Amino acid sequence: MTPKHTDQGSSRSSIATAPVPTAQAVRKPWKKKTPVDVVLDQINRLRDDVLEKEEELKLAKRQLQKLEEAKKVLEAT
């Protein structure tokens, strides 16, 4: 005799996973930006990015300086 296989279907649940609308999501109305506003936003984002990278560079330079000092100590011994 061959063993009987019970087919349970897929292992996934058959319950629908659609989002349940609870309350109306209130969104701000879309405001069209002028080309000037777009460029000014780009300038501000780039300025912030440059400031962040300058801070990272300062930290990397400090770390390099400490490692070079450690290298001098190691080479002296």
Protein backbone atom coordinates (compact mmCIF):
# COMPACT_ATOMS: atom_id res chain seq x y z
CA MET A 1 0.00 0.00 0.00
CA THR A 2 1.17 3.49 -0.68
CA PRO A 3 1.02 6.09 2.09
CA LYS A 4 -1.77 8.61 1.84
CA HIS A 5 -0.83 12.25 1.57
CA THR A 6 -3.15 14.79 3.06
CA ASP A 7 -3.09 17.92 0.96
CA GLN A 8 -3.44 20.89 3.26
CA GLY A 9 -3.04 23.39 0.42
CA SER A 10 -0.42 26.04 0.55
CA SER A 11 1.22 26.99 3.80
CA ARG A 12 0.04 30.56 3.40
CA SER A 13 -3.03 31.86 5.09
CA SER A 14 -6.05 32.42 2.92
CA ILE A 15 -7.04 35.53 4.83
CA ALA A 16 -6.98 38.70 2.75
CA THR A 17 -4.26 41.12 3.75
CA ALA A 18 -5.72 44.27 2.23
CA PRO A 19 -5.25 47.38 4.35
CA VAL A 20 -8.23 48.23 6.46
CA PRO A 21 -9.32 51.83 6.02
CA THR A 22 -9.63 53.17 9.56
CA ALA A 23 -9.70 56.94 9.20
CA GLN A 24 -9.25 59.30 6.32
CA ALA A 25 -5.59 60.20 5.95
CA VAL A 26 -5.29 63.94 5.75
CA ARG A 27 -2.62 65.02 3.32
CA LYS A 28 -1.35 68.48 2.73
CA PRO A 29 -2.34 69.85 -0.64
CA TRP A 30 0.38 69.67 -3.27
CA LYS A 31 2.03 73.02 -3.86
CA LYS A 32 3.72 73.47 -7.20
CA LYS A 33 7.24 74.80 -6.83
CA THR A 34 8.66 77.41 -9.11
CA PRO A 35 11.99 76.70 -10.81
CA VAL A 36 13.58 79.22 -8.45
CA ASP A 37 12.27 77.29 -5.42
CA VAL A 38 13.61 74.04 -6.84
CA VAL A 39 17.09 75.49 -7.34
CA LEU A 40 17.09 77.08 -3.87
CA ASP A 41 16.11 73.73 -2.32
CA GLN A 42 18.92 72.02 -4.22
CA ILE A 43 21.40 74.62 -2.98
CA ASN A 44 20.28 74.13 0.62
CA ARG A 45 20.46 70.34 0.38
CA LEU A 46 23.91 70.50 -1.18
CA ARG A 47 25.13 72.97 1.45
CA ASP A 48 23.94 70.61 4.22
CA ASP A 49 25.62 67.68 2.48
CA VAL A 50 28.91 69.57 2.19
CA LEU A 51 28.82 70.52 5.88
CA GLU A 52 28.20 66.90 6.85
CA LYS A 53 31.05 65.67 4.66
CA GLU A 54 33.39 68.33 6.06
CA GLU A 55 32.67 67.03 9.56
CA GLU A 56 33.40 63.47 8.40
CA LEU A 57 36.65 64.68 6.83
CA LYS A 58 37.70 66.38 10.07
CA LEU A 59 37.11 63.15 11.98
CA ALA A 60 39.03 61.12 9.40
CA LYS A 61 41.97 63.55 9.53
CA ARG A 62 42.06 63.31 13.33
CA GLN A 63 42.02 59.53 13.16
CA LEU A 64 44.79 59.53 10.55
CA GLN A 65 46.90 61.86 12.68
CA LYS A 66 46.53 59.58 15.72
CA LEU A 67 47.43 56.52 13.67
CA GLU A 68 50.49 58.23 12.21
CA GLU A 69 51.62 59.16 15.73
CA ALA A 70 51.14 55.54 16.79
CA LYS A 71 53.17 54.44 13.74
CA LYS A 72 56.03 56.74 14.77
CA VAL A 73 55.99 55.27 18.26
CA LEU A 74 56.02 51.74 16.86
CA GLU A 75 58.86 52.51 14.45
CA ALA A 76 60.93 54.09 17.23
CA THR A 77 60.91 50.89 19.28
